[in-house]
Amino acid sequence: MFGIERSTSEKKPKWKSLEFYKDNRSILIFLPAGVGRLFQLLHLLSMVPSLLRFFSVEQVRWPYFYILMFTRLFAFLRLIK
């Protein structure tokens, strides 16, 4: 009861296991990146508001949309064969 050794029946906390990080790696990568992007855009807005339009999300989003669309198309075509 008051021993120094850790009881074997105690489980490790979920955040200490490697499986937690494997299962949630997309959240752990994209969430800080999105928050950092928001801070960069807000800082850019405070410096020069006209530059915000140049670096806006709308202009950056379309090339990634096309890349995603073509990769899904090629994956679908591979499934058909």
C-alpha atoms as a PDB file:
ATOM      1  CA  MET A   1       0.000   0.000   0.000  1.00  0.00           C
ATOM      2  CA  PHE A   2       2.718   2.466   0.950  1.00  0.00           C
ATOM      3  CA  GLY A   3       5.525   0.804  -0.971  1.00  0.00           C
ATOM      4  CA  ILE A   4       8.069   2.696  -3.032  1.00  0.00           C
ATOM      5  CA  GLU A   5       7.508   0.564  -6.104  1.00  0.00           C
ATOM      6  CA  ARG A   6       4.841   1.540  -8.523  1.00  0.00           C
ATOM      7  CA  SER A   7       1.895  -0.773  -8.674  1.00  0.00           C
ATOM      8  CA  THR A   8       1.636  -2.813 -11.863  1.00  0.00           C
ATOM      9  CA  SER A   9      -2.117  -2.308 -11.923  1.00  0.00           C
ATOM     10  CA  GLU A  10      -1.709   1.444 -12.512  1.00  0.00           C
ATOM     11  CA  LYS A  11      -1.952   2.391 -16.151  1.00  0.00           C
ATOM     12  CA  LYS A  12       0.177   4.981 -17.865  1.00  0.00           C
ATOM     13  CA  PRO A  13      -1.615   8.230 -18.646  1.00  0.00           C
ATOM     14  CA  LYS A  14      -2.899   8.369 -22.195  1.00  0.00           C
ATOM     15  CA  TRP A  15      -0.641  11.280 -23.168  1.00  0.00           C
ATOM     16  CA  LYS A  16       2.477   9.300 -22.205  1.00  0.00           C
ATOM     17  CA  SER A  17       1.825   6.439 -24.606  1.00  0.00           C
ATOM     18  CA  LEU A  18       3.263   6.505 -28.110  1.00  0.00           C
ATOM     19  CA  GLU A  19      -0.025   5.331 -29.626  1.00  0.00           C
ATOM     20  CA  PHE A  20      -1.690   8.589 -28.573  1.00  0.00           C
ATOM     21  CA  TYR A  21       0.762  10.563 -30.701  1.00  0.00           C
ATOM     22  CA  LYS A  22       0.464   8.167 -33.635  1.00  0.00           C
ATOM     23  CA  ASP A  23      -3.325   8.423 -33.619  1.00  0.00           C
ATOM     24  CA  ASN A  24      -3.439  12.220 -33.278  1.00  0.00           C
ATOM     25  CA  ARG A  25      -0.434  13.292 -35.331  1.00  0.00           C
ATOM     26  CA  SER A  26      -2.512  15.270 -37.822  1.00  0.00           C
ATOM     27  CA  ILE A  27      -4.003  17.369 -35.029  1.00  0.00           C
ATOM     28  CA  LEU A  28      -0.619  17.783 -33.359  1.00  0.00           C
ATOM     29  CA  ILE A  29       0.925  19.071 -36.609  1.00  0.00           C
ATOM     30  CA  PHE A  30      -1.816  21.107 -38.262  1.00  0.00           C
ATOM     31  CA  LEU A  31      -3.293  22.823 -35.221  1.00  0.00           C
ATOM     32  CA  PRO A  32      -0.080  24.653 -34.210  1.00  0.00           C
ATOM     33  CA  ALA A  33       0.617  25.433 -37.870  1.00  0.00           C
ATOM     34  CA  GLY A  34      -2.842  26.969 -38.269  1.00  0.00           C
ATOM     35  CA  VAL A  35      -2.499  29.016 -35.105  1.00  0.00           C
ATOM     36  CA  GLY A  36       0.924  30.229 -36.246  1.00  0.00           C
ATOM     37  CA  ARG A  37      -0.505  31.187 -39.628  1.00  0.00           C
ATOM     38  CA  LEU A  38      -3.263  33.164 -37.935  1.00  0.00           C
ATOM     39  CA  PHE A  39      -0.719  35.050 -35.825  1.00  0.00           C
ATOM     40  CA  GLN A  40       1.375  35.788 -38.924  1.00  0.00           C
ATOM     41  CA  LEU A  41      -1.638  37.164 -40.787  1.00  0.00           C
ATOM     42  CA  LEU A  42      -2.654  39.309 -37.810  1.00  0.00           C
ATOM     43  CA  HIS A  43       0.889  40.656 -37.483  1.00  0.00           C
ATOM     44  CA  LEU A  44       0.962  41.392 -41.209  1.00  0.00           C
ATOM     45  CA  LEU A  45      -2.367  43.174 -40.912  1.00  0.00           C
ATOM     46  CA  SER A  46      -1.016  45.355 -38.119  1.00  0.00           C
ATOM     47  CA  MET A  47       2.051  46.283 -40.207  1.00  0.00           C
ATOM     48  CA  VAL A  48       0.617  46.969 -43.673  1.00  0.00           C
ATOM     49  CA  PRO A  49      -3.046  46.103 -44.339  1.00  0.00           C
ATOM     50  CA  SER A  50      -2.603  46.053 -48.120  1.00  0.00           C
ATOM     51  CA  LEU A  51      -0.188  43.113 -47.883  1.00  0.00           C
ATOM     52  CA  LEU A  52      -2.823  40.960 -46.220  1.00  0.00           C
ATOM     53  CA  ARG A  53      -4.688  40.645 -49.494  1.00  0.00           C
ATOM     54  CA  PHE A  54      -1.508  39.455 -51.197  1.00  0.00           C
ATOM     55  CA  PHE A  55      -0.859  36.760 -48.586  1.00  0.00           C
ATOM     56  CA  SER A  56      -4.491  35.853 -48.009  1.00  0.00           C
ATOM     57  CA  VAL A  57      -5.705  32.306 -47.652  1.00  0.00           C
ATOM     58  CA  GLU A  58      -7.795  32.474 -50.817  1.00  0.00           C
ATOM     59  CA  GLN A  59      -4.762  32.869 -53.057  1.00  0.00           C
ATOM     60  CA  VAL A  60      -2.858  30.071 -51.352  1.00  0.00           C
ATOM     61  CA  ARG A  61      -5.712  27.604 -51.079  1.00  0.00           C
ATOM     62  CA  TRP A  62      -6.338  26.914 -54.783  1.00  0.00           C
ATOM     63  CA  PRO A  63      -2.991  25.290 -55.714  1.00  0.00           C
ATOM     64  CA  TYR A  64      -3.334  22.927 -52.744  1.00  0.00           C
ATOM     65  CA  PHE A  65      -6.887  22.142 -53.825  1.00  0.00           C
ATOM     66  CA  TYR A  66      -5.670  21.142 -57.295  1.00  0.00           C
ATOM     67  CA  ILE A  67      -2.869  19.007 -55.864  1.00  0.00           C
ATOM     68  CA  LEU A  68      -5.336  17.257 -53.573  1.00  0.00           C
ATOM     69  CA  MET A  69      -7.818  16.784 -56.409  1.00  0.00           C
ATOM     70  CA  PHE A  70      -5.220  15.223 -58.739  1.00  0.00           C
ATOM     71  CA  THR A  71      -3.821  12.909 -56.075  1.00  0.00           C
ATOM     72  CA  ARG A  72      -7.308  11.646 -55.274  1.00  0.00           C
ATOM     73  CA  LEU A  73      -8.043  11.222 -58.979  1.00  0.00           C
ATOM     74  CA  PHE A  74      -4.894   9.156 -59.504  1.00  0.00           C
ATOM     75  CA  ALA A  75      -5.650   7.077 -56.417  1.00  0.00           C
ATOM     76  CA  PHE A  76      -9.153   6.431 -57.756  1.00  0.00           C
ATOM     77  CA  LEU A  77      -7.771   5.451 -61.159  1.00  0.00           C
ATOM     78  CA  ARG A  78      -5.386   2.999 -59.512  1.00  0.00           C
ATOM     79  CA  LEU A  79      -8.335   1.386 -57.724  1.00  0.00           C
ATOM     80  CA  ILE A  80     -10.233   0.951 -60.981  1.00  0.00           C
ATOM     81  CA  LYS A  81      -7.414  -1.014 -62.650  1.00  0.00           C
END
